Amino acid sequence: PVFMMQLCSEARHLEVQIVGDEHGNAVALNGRDCSTQRRFQKIFEEGPPIVAPPEVFREMERSAQRLTKNIGYIGAGTVEYLFNAA
């Protein structure tokens, strides 16, 4: 991911928090913009992310939820996106 971030210099680093259980259920809890970084370490996280239009971010949440279900993920985690509005 670090290499992609260098190539996509205009992209924003957006994250969706997810939780999956042993029954195949998954939920997207919330999202945040983690673009403010120094040496690839987050300085602060901004939530909810306002750079992505609400309908686009809802689809990102749904995609994160589908991914969580499809891989059978159990526990809390984060799905990360590089978002470029252009």
C-alpha atoms as a PDB file:
ATOM      1  CA  PRO A   1       0.000   0.000   0.000  1.00  0.00           C
ATOM      2  CA  VAL A   2       2.862   2.408   0.687  1.00  0.00           C
ATOM      3  CA  PHE A   3       3.994   2.197  -2.950  1.00  0.00           C
ATOM      4  CA  MET A   4       0.489   2.828  -4.274  1.00  0.00           C
ATOM      5  CA  MET A   5       0.149   5.880  -2.042  1.00  0.00           C
ATOM      6  CA  GLN A   6       3.324   7.316  -3.562  1.00  0.00           C
ATOM      7  CA  LEU A   7       1.998   6.731  -7.094  1.00  0.00           C
ATOM      8  CA  CYS A   8      -1.448   8.176  -6.320  1.00  0.00           C
ATOM      9  CA  SER A   9      -0.326  11.449  -4.792  1.00  0.00           C
ATOM     10  CA  GLU A  10      -3.732  13.146  -5.158  1.00  0.00           C
ATOM     11  CA  ALA A  11      -5.683  10.266  -3.628  1.00  0.00           C
ATOM     12  CA  ARG A  12      -7.134  10.366  -0.128  1.00  0.00           C
ATOM     13  CA  HIS A  13      -6.657   7.507   2.340  1.00  0.00           C
ATOM     14  CA  LEU A  14     -10.157   6.500   3.485  1.00  0.00           C
ATOM     15  CA  GLU A  15     -10.954   3.660   5.866  1.00  0.00           C
ATOM     16  CA  VAL A  16     -14.090   1.735   6.794  1.00  0.00           C
ATOM     17  CA  GLN A  17     -14.226  -0.082  10.132  1.00  0.00           C
ATOM     18  CA  ILE A  18     -15.903  -3.485   9.968  1.00  0.00           C
ATOM     19  CA  VAL A  19     -16.874  -6.319  12.297  1.00  0.00           C
ATOM     20  CA  GLY A  20     -17.536  -9.902  11.209  1.00  0.00           C
ATOM     21  CA  ASP A  21     -18.739 -12.871  13.250  1.00  0.00           C
ATOM     22  CA  GLU A  22     -18.553 -16.664  13.076  1.00  0.00           C
ATOM     23  CA  HIS A  23     -22.082 -16.825  11.609  1.00  0.00           C
ATOM     24  CA  GLY A  24     -21.112 -14.983   8.432  1.00  0.00           C
ATOM     25  CA  ASN A  25     -22.587 -11.646   9.489  1.00  0.00           C
ATOM     26  CA  ALA A  26     -20.726  -8.412   8.864  1.00  0.00           C
ATOM     27  CA  VAL A  27     -21.392  -4.773   9.579  1.00  0.00           C
ATOM     28  CA  ALA A  28     -19.638  -1.567   8.536  1.00  0.00           C
ATOM     29  CA  LEU A  29     -19.440   0.637  11.613  1.00  0.00           C
ATOM     30  CA  ASN A  30     -18.106   3.957  10.361  1.00  0.00           C
ATOM     31  CA  GLY A  31     -15.463   5.560   8.226  1.00  0.00           C
ATOM     32  CA  ARG A  32     -12.683   8.068   8.442  1.00  0.00           C
ATOM     33  CA  ASP A  33     -10.216  10.037   6.364  1.00  0.00           C
ATOM     34  CA  CYS A  34      -6.646   9.156   7.370  1.00  0.00           C
ATOM     35  CA  SER A  35      -4.877  11.203   4.716  1.00  0.00           C
ATOM     36  CA  THR A  36      -2.868  13.399   7.067  1.00  0.00           C
ATOM     37  CA  GLN A  37       0.273  11.344   7.494  1.00  0.00           C
ATOM     38  CA  ARG A  38       3.942  11.777   8.169  1.00  0.00           C
ATOM     39  CA  ARG A  39       6.341   9.042   7.079  1.00  0.00           C
ATOM     40  CA  PHE A  40       3.322   6.836   6.339  1.00  0.00           C
ATOM     41  CA  GLN A  41       2.055   7.106   9.917  1.00  0.00           C
ATOM     42  CA  LYS A  42      -1.363   8.628  10.554  1.00  0.00           C
ATOM     43  CA  ILE A  43      -1.178  11.936  12.389  1.00  0.00           C
ATOM     44  CA  PHE A  44      -4.918  12.194  12.906  1.00  0.00           C
ATOM     45  CA  GLU A  45      -8.117  10.631  11.598  1.00  0.00           C
ATOM     46  CA  GLU A  46     -11.096  12.657  10.486  1.00  0.00           C
ATOM     47  CA  GLY A  47     -14.561  11.166  10.613  1.00  0.00           C
ATOM     48  CA  PRO A  48     -16.838  10.970   8.894  1.00  0.00           C
ATOM     49  CA  PRO A  49     -14.910  11.464   5.667  1.00  0.00           C
ATOM     50  CA  ILE A  50     -16.312  14.407   3.744  1.00  0.00           C
ATOM     51  CA  VAL A  51     -14.109  14.186   0.642  1.00  0.00           C
ATOM     52  CA  ALA A  52     -16.189  11.339  -0.837  1.00  0.00           C
ATOM     53  CA  PRO A  53     -19.820  12.072  -1.731  1.00  0.00           C
ATOM     54  CA  PRO A  54     -22.201  10.308   0.678  1.00  0.00           C
ATOM     55  CA  GLU A  55     -23.502   7.868  -1.953  1.00  0.00           C
ATOM     56  CA  VAL A  56     -19.937   6.920  -2.936  1.00  0.00           C
ATOM     57  CA  PHE A  57     -18.921   6.354   0.661  1.00  0.00           C
ATOM     58  CA  ARG A  58     -22.037   4.251   1.301  1.00  0.00           C
ATOM     59  CA  GLU A  59     -20.969   2.012  -1.592  1.00  0.00           C
ATOM     60  CA  MET A  60     -17.484   1.789  -0.083  1.00  0.00           C
ATOM     61  CA  GLU A  61     -19.085   0.660   3.192  1.00  0.00           C
ATOM     62  CA  ARG A  62     -21.232  -1.923   1.374  1.00  0.00           C
ATOM     63  CA  SER A  63     -18.163  -3.193  -0.494  1.00  0.00           C
ATOM     64  CA  ALA A  64     -16.228  -3.502   2.773  1.00  0.00           C
ATOM     65  CA  GLN A  65     -19.141  -5.419   4.262  1.00  0.00           C
ATOM     66  CA  ARG A  66     -19.287  -7.797   1.261  1.00  0.00           C
ATOM     67  CA  LEU A  67     -15.538  -8.364   1.441  1.00  0.00           C
ATOM     68  CA  THR A  68     -15.791  -9.175   5.145  1.00  0.00           C
ATOM     69  CA  LYS A  69     -18.540 -11.726   4.487  1.00  0.00           C
ATOM     70  CA  ASN A  70     -16.879 -13.265   1.420  1.00  0.00           C
ATOM     71  CA  ILE A  71     -13.588 -13.996   3.157  1.00  0.00           C
ATOM     72  CA  GLY A  72     -15.257 -15.171   6.373  1.00  0.00           C
ATOM     73  CA  TYR A  73     -13.521 -12.554   8.480  1.00  0.00           C
ATOM     74  CA  ILE A  74     -14.170 -12.815  12.229  1.00  0.00           C
ATOM     75  CA  GLY A  75     -13.429  -9.847  14.483  1.00  0.00           C
ATOM     76  CA  ALA A  76     -12.956  -6.117  14.082  1.00  0.00           C
ATOM     77  CA  GLY A  77     -10.901  -4.748  11.221  1.00  0.00           C
ATOM     78  CA  THR A  78     -10.392  -1.994   8.708  1.00  0.00           C
ATOM     79  CA  VAL A  79     -10.811  -1.922   4.932  1.00  0.00           C
ATOM     80  CA  GLU A  80      -8.649   0.786   3.413  1.00  0.00           C
ATOM     81  CA  TYR A  81      -9.218   2.666   0.168  1.00  0.00           C
ATOM     82  CA  LEU A  82      -7.288   5.142  -1.924  1.00  0.00           C
ATOM     83  CA  PHE A  83      -9.963   7.557  -3.129  1.00  0.00           C
ATOM     84  CA  ASN A  84      -9.433   9.982  -5.983  1.00  0.00           C
ATOM     85  CA  ALA A  85     -12.406  12.167  -6.811  1.00  0.00           C
ATOM     86  CA  ALA A  86     -11.026  13.088 -10.252  1.00  0.00           C
END
